[in-house]
Amino acid sequence: MTVPIPTIHLSNLGTGPEGITVTELTKQVLSEIEKAAVKAAASSAGDIGKAAENLTKGLGKNAGGALTNVTRGIGNLFKK
């Protein structure tokens, strides 16, 4: 399942008198991405739960049908 995150806009990076190091820039960018990802995942938690529930429901139906067909097939084999 894909959970999109909103566009992130960062401004005024490195505008101080000493600028910004690559390490500081990376920390700030990754921090904002993490915040947006956590927020998006939290808001989509219900959708993820519904998707998982639908998946397990489908598996149960298919497995039950396959089991019924196998049982029927074995029963027909012994009738002959």
Protein backbone atom coordinates (compact mmCIF):
# COMPACT_ATOMS: atom_id res chain seq x y z
CA MET A 1 0.00 0.00 0.00
CA THR A 2 1.34 3.42 -0.90
CA VAL A 3 0.85 6.26 1.55
CA PRO A 4 1.76 9.60 -0.05
CA ILE A 5 3.25 12.40 1.99
CA PRO A 6 2.60 16.07 1.23
CA THR A 7 5.18 18.23 -0.47
CA ILE A 8 7.76 19.53 1.99
CA HIS A 9 9.03 23.09 1.62
CA LEU A 10 12.15 24.13 3.52
CA SER A 11 13.43 27.68 3.39
CA ASN A 12 16.19 29.79 4.85
CA LEU A 13 18.56 26.85 5.12
CA GLY A 14 22.13 28.00 5.59
CA THR A 15 21.27 31.68 5.63
CA GLY A 16 23.18 32.34 8.86
CA PRO A 17 26.64 33.89 8.85
CA GLU A 18 28.35 30.50 8.91
CA GLY A 19 26.05 28.77 6.40
CA ILE A 20 25.13 25.13 6.93
CA THR A 21 27.09 21.93 6.74
CA VAL A 22 26.01 18.94 4.69
CA THR A 23 25.43 17.05 7.94
CA GLU A 24 23.16 19.76 9.35
CA LEU A 25 21.25 20.04 6.09
CA THR A 26 20.76 16.27 5.93
CA LYS A 27 19.52 16.15 9.53
CA GLN A 28 16.96 18.91 8.89
CA VAL A 29 15.70 17.38 5.64
CA LEU A 30 15.40 13.86 7.08
CA SER A 31 13.69 15.21 10.20
CA GLU A 32 11.00 16.90 8.11
CA ILE A 33 10.52 13.79 5.96
CA GLU A 34 10.15 11.67 9.10
CA LYS A 35 7.55 14.04 10.58
CA ALA A 36 5.51 14.04 7.36
CA ALA A 37 5.75 10.25 7.00
CA VAL A 38 4.61 9.61 10.58
CA LYS A 39 1.69 12.01 10.17
CA ALA A 40 0.64 10.42 6.84
CA ALA A 41 0.92 6.90 8.26
CA ALA A 42 -1.14 7.82 11.31
CA SER A 43 -3.89 9.32 9.17
CA SER A 44 -3.90 6.24 6.92
CA ALA A 45 -3.87 3.66 9.73
CA GLY A 46 -7.59 2.97 9.32
CA ASP A 47 -7.16 2.36 5.60
CA ILE A 48 -4.26 -0.02 6.23
CA GLY A 49 -6.36 -1.94 8.77
CA LYS A 50 -9.26 -2.21 6.31
CA ALA A 51 -6.93 -3.45 3.58
CA ALA A 52 -5.51 -6.10 5.89
CA GLU A 53 -9.00 -7.16 6.95
CA ASN A 54 -10.15 -7.50 3.33
CA LEU A 55 -7.04 -9.52 2.52
CA THR A 56 -7.67 -12.00 5.31
CA LYS A 57 -11.36 -12.28 4.43
CA GLY A 58 -10.46 -13.13 0.85
CA LEU A 59 -7.92 -15.70 1.94
CA GLY A 60 -10.42 -17.40 4.20
CA LYS A 61 -13.00 -17.72 1.44
CA ASN A 62 -10.54 -19.06 -1.10
CA ALA A 63 -8.99 -21.50 1.34
CA GLY A 64 -12.41 -22.79 2.42
CA GLY A 65 -13.52 -23.28 -1.18
CA ALA A 66 -10.34 -25.10 -2.06
CA LEU A 67 -10.71 -27.34 0.98
CA THR A 68 -14.30 -28.15 0.04
CA ASN A 69 -13.21 -29.08 -3.49
CA VAL A 70 -10.44 -31.34 -2.17
CA THR A 71 -12.81 -33.03 0.27
CA ARG A 72 -15.38 -33.55 -2.46
CA GLY A 73 -12.73 -34.96 -4.78
CA ILE A 74 -11.54 -37.45 -2.17
CA GLY A 75 -15.12 -38.47 -1.44
CA ASN A 76 -15.81 -39.04 -5.15
CA LEU A 77 -12.66 -41.12 -5.44
CA PHE A 78 -13.90 -43.57 -2.79
CA LYS A 79 -17.37 -43.78 -4.38
CA LYS A 80 -15.86 -45.37 -7.46
